[in-house]
């Protein structure tokens, strides 16, 4: 937790199905244990996003919402944005920002 109610999950490397499940489980446990109101999924260290990884990010955001937390996706590069759009990821269901600093500022503005 970086601030009261704000949980950050830095993700690095590839996200396959098994890892996506681990990320989801860890995020849900962290939200419940820390009573987080906002979770930031920082994908700065994820270089390739395929359809499985994109779907995992959307599922993580929806799971956070069900637990009462908002999800913010940070670390969006222009190349990654193009990939997410090309894959047809439902972006209206995600709050996305370019970097972790912006995500933290947004989380703190939420009044966590």
C-alpha atoms as a PDB file:
ATOM      1  CA  UNK A   1       0.000   0.000   0.000  1.00  0.00           C
ATOM      2  CA  UNK A   2       1.446   3.372  -0.955  1.00  0.00           C
ATOM      3  CA  UNK A   3      -1.209   5.480   0.748  1.00  0.00           C
ATOM      4  CA  UNK A   4      -4.257   4.782   2.858  1.00  0.00           C
ATOM      5  CA  UNK A   5      -6.624   2.790   0.648  1.00  0.00           C
ATOM      6  CA  UNK A   6      -4.308   2.703  -2.399  1.00  0.00           C
ATOM      7  CA  UNK A   7      -2.739  -0.592  -3.455  1.00  0.00           C
ATOM      8  CA  UNK A   8      -0.151  -0.797  -6.272  1.00  0.00           C
ATOM      9  CA  UNK A   9       0.642  -3.956  -8.229  1.00  0.00           C
ATOM     10  CA  UNK A  10       3.677  -3.535 -10.484  1.00  0.00           C
ATOM     11  CA  UNK A  11       3.568  -6.139 -13.256  1.00  0.00           C
ATOM     12  CA  UNK A  12       6.726  -7.162 -15.113  1.00  0.00           C
ATOM     13  CA  UNK A  13       7.301  -9.613 -17.934  1.00  0.00           C
ATOM     14  CA  UNK A  14       4.832 -11.741 -19.829  1.00  0.00           C
ATOM     15  CA  UNK A  15       1.279 -12.372 -18.668  1.00  0.00           C
ATOM     16  CA  UNK A  16       0.057 -15.815 -19.672  1.00  0.00           C
ATOM     17  CA  UNK A  17      -3.094 -17.549 -18.430  1.00  0.00           C
ATOM     18  CA  UNK A  18      -1.475 -19.024 -15.322  1.00  0.00           C
ATOM     19  CA  UNK A  19       0.158 -15.745 -14.362  1.00  0.00           C
ATOM     20  CA  UNK A  20      -3.070 -13.862 -15.011  1.00  0.00           C
ATOM     21  CA  UNK A  21      -4.814 -16.086 -12.471  1.00  0.00           C
ATOM     22  CA  UNK A  22      -2.025 -15.467  -9.944  1.00  0.00           C
ATOM     23  CA  UNK A  23      -2.276 -11.714 -10.498  1.00  0.00           C
ATOM     24  CA  UNK A  24      -6.047 -11.798 -10.062  1.00  0.00           C
ATOM     25  CA  UNK A  25      -5.835 -13.853  -6.866  1.00  0.00           C
ATOM     26  CA  UNK A  26      -3.100 -11.670  -5.365  1.00  0.00           C
ATOM     27  CA  UNK A  27      -4.971  -8.502  -6.252  1.00  0.00           C
ATOM     28  CA  UNK A  28      -8.235  -9.705  -4.722  1.00  0.00           C
ATOM     29  CA  UNK A  29      -6.460 -10.865  -1.555  1.00  0.00           C
ATOM     30  CA  UNK A  30      -4.643  -7.545  -1.299  1.00  0.00           C
ATOM     31  CA  UNK A  31      -7.819  -5.502  -1.767  1.00  0.00           C
ATOM     32  CA  UNK A  32      -9.613  -7.474   0.934  1.00  0.00           C
ATOM     33  CA  UNK A  33      -6.690  -7.569   3.390  1.00  0.00           C
ATOM     34  CA  UNK A  34      -5.768  -3.895   3.010  1.00  0.00           C
ATOM     35  CA  UNK A  35      -9.327  -2.657   2.529  1.00  0.00           C
ATOM     36  CA  UNK A  36      -8.103  -0.861  -0.544  1.00  0.00           C
ATOM     37  CA  UNK A  37     -10.435   1.549  -2.315  1.00  0.00           C
ATOM     38  CA  UNK A  38      -8.152   1.860  -5.341  1.00  0.00           C
ATOM     39  CA  UNK A  39      -5.802  -0.630  -6.958  1.00  0.00           C
ATOM     40  CA  UNK A  40      -3.231   0.480  -9.505  1.00  0.00           C
ATOM     41  CA  UNK A  41      -2.123  -2.168 -11.988  1.00  0.00           C
ATOM     42  CA  UNK A  42       1.177  -0.801 -13.281  1.00  0.00           C
ATOM     43  CA  UNK A  43       2.085  -2.509 -16.552  1.00  0.00           C
ATOM     44  CA  UNK A  44       5.150  -0.393 -17.297  1.00  0.00           C
ATOM     45  CA  UNK A  45       7.260  -3.583 -17.240  1.00  0.00           C
ATOM     46  CA  UNK A  46       4.917  -5.567 -19.503  1.00  0.00           C
ATOM     47  CA  UNK A  47       6.182  -5.214 -23.053  1.00  0.00           C
ATOM     48  CA  UNK A  48       3.839  -7.451 -25.015  1.00  0.00           C
ATOM     49  CA  UNK A  49       0.112  -7.584 -24.421  1.00  0.00           C
ATOM     50  CA  UNK A  50      -1.763 -10.302 -26.273  1.00  0.00           C
ATOM     51  CA  UNK A  51      -5.476 -11.033 -26.113  1.00  0.00           C
ATOM     52  CA  UNK A  52      -5.081 -13.207 -22.979  1.00  0.00           C
ATOM     53  CA  UNK A  53      -3.190 -10.505 -21.102  1.00  0.00           C
ATOM     54  CA  UNK A  54      -5.629  -7.812 -22.217  1.00  0.00           C
ATOM     55  CA  UNK A  55      -8.585  -9.909 -21.092  1.00  0.00           C
ATOM     56  CA  UNK A  56      -6.850 -10.556 -17.762  1.00  0.00           C
ATOM     57  CA  UNK A  57      -6.467  -6.818 -17.182  1.00  0.00           C
ATOM     58  CA  UNK A  58     -10.156  -6.212 -17.900  1.00  0.00           C
ATOM     59  CA  UNK A  59     -11.140  -9.102 -15.594  1.00  0.00           C
ATOM     60  CA  UNK A  60      -8.897  -7.719 -12.852  1.00  0.00           C
ATOM     61  CA  UNK A  61     -10.550  -4.296 -13.131  1.00  0.00           C
ATOM     62  CA  UNK A  62     -14.004  -5.882 -12.945  1.00  0.00           C
ATOM     63  CA  UNK A  63     -13.015  -8.040  -9.953  1.00  0.00           C
ATOM     64  CA  UNK A  64     -11.678  -4.973  -8.140  1.00  0.00           C
ATOM     65  CA  UNK A  65     -14.942  -3.164  -8.808  1.00  0.00           C
ATOM     66  CA  UNK A  66     -16.916  -6.090  -7.363  1.00  0.00           C
ATOM     67  CA  UNK A  67     -14.821  -5.837  -4.200  1.00  0.00           C
ATOM     68  CA  UNK A  68     -15.555  -2.115  -3.934  1.00  0.00           C
ATOM     69  CA  UNK A  69     -12.260  -0.829  -5.304  1.00  0.00           C
ATOM     70  CA  UNK A  70     -11.574   1.193  -8.423  1.00  0.00           C
ATOM     71  CA  UNK A  71      -8.859  -0.108 -10.741  1.00  0.00           C
ATOM     72  CA  UNK A  72      -6.434   2.153 -12.562  1.00  0.00           C
ATOM     73  CA  UNK A  73      -4.192   0.799 -15.306  1.00  0.00           C
ATOM     74  CA  UNK A  74      -0.887   2.671 -15.538  1.00  0.00           C
ATOM     75  CA  UNK A  75       2.117   2.394 -17.805  1.00  0.00           C
ATOM     76  CA  UNK A  76       0.294   2.759 -21.091  1.00  0.00           C
ATOM     77  CA  UNK A  77       2.708   3.455 -23.931  1.00  0.00           C
ATOM     78  CA  UNK A  78       1.618   4.513 -27.433  1.00  0.00           C
ATOM     79  CA  UNK A  79       2.487   1.038 -28.764  1.00  0.00           C
ATOM     80  CA  UNK A  80       0.526  -0.635 -25.991  1.00  0.00           C
ATOM     81  CA  UNK A  81      -2.447   1.664 -26.580  1.00  0.00           C
ATOM     82  CA  UNK A  82      -2.466   0.675 -30.264  1.00  0.00           C
ATOM     83  CA  UNK A  83      -2.319  -2.994 -29.307  1.00  0.00           C
ATOM     84  CA  UNK A  84      -5.195  -2.703 -26.834  1.00  0.00           C
ATOM     85  CA  UNK A  85      -7.326  -0.906 -29.424  1.00  0.00           C
ATOM     86  CA  UNK A  86      -6.437  -3.431 -32.145  1.00  0.00           C
ATOM     87  CA  UNK A  87      -7.378  -6.293 -29.829  1.00  0.00           C
ATOM     88  CA  UNK A  88     -10.775  -4.731 -29.205  1.00  0.00           C
ATOM     89  CA  UNK A  89     -10.309  -4.407 -25.437  1.00  0.00           C
ATOM     90  CA  UNK A  90     -13.417  -2.707 -23.973  1.00  0.00           C
ATOM     91  CA  UNK A  91     -11.551   0.401 -22.861  1.00  0.00           C
ATOM     92  CA  UNK A  92     -14.664   2.119 -21.525  1.00  0.00           C
ATOM     93  CA  UNK A  93     -14.434  -0.320 -18.602  1.00  0.00           C
ATOM     94  CA  UNK A  94     -10.846   0.684 -17.744  1.00  0.00           C
ATOM     95  CA  UNK A  95      -9.347   3.823 -16.263  1.00  0.00           C
ATOM     96  CA  UNK A  96      -5.954   4.100 -17.927  1.00  0.00           C
ATOM     97  CA  UNK A  97      -3.132   6.593 -17.501  1.00  0.00           C
ATOM     98  CA  UNK A  98       0.339   6.896 -18.969  1.00  0.00           C
ATOM     99  CA  UNK A  99       2.476   6.510 -15.880  1.00  0.00           C
ATOM    100  CA  UNK A 100       2.476   5.508 -12.232  1.00  0.00           C
ATOM    101  CA  UNK A 101       2.780   9.096 -11.013  1.00  0.00           C
ATOM    102  CA  UNK A 102      -0.455  10.012 -12.816  1.00  0.00           C
ATOM    103  CA  UNK A 103      -2.168   6.917 -11.439  1.00  0.00           C
ATOM    104  CA  UNK A 104      -1.183   7.751  -7.861  1.00  0.00           C
ATOM    105  CA  UNK A 105      -2.345  11.350  -8.288  1.00  0.00           C
ATOM    106  CA  UNK A 106      -5.656  10.153  -9.663  1.00  0.00           C
ATOM    107  CA  UNK A 107      -6.077   7.644  -6.830  1.00  0.00           C
ATOM    108  CA  UNK A 108      -5.404  10.307  -4.216  1.00  0.00           C
ATOM    109  CA  UNK A 109      -7.867  12.687  -5.896  1.00  0.00           C
ATOM    110  CA  UNK A 110     -10.546  10.002  -5.561  1.00  0.00           C
ATOM    111  CA  UNK A 111     -10.536  10.647  -1.830  1.00  0.00           C
ATOM    112  CA  UNK A 112      -9.532   7.121  -0.842  1.00  0.00           C
END
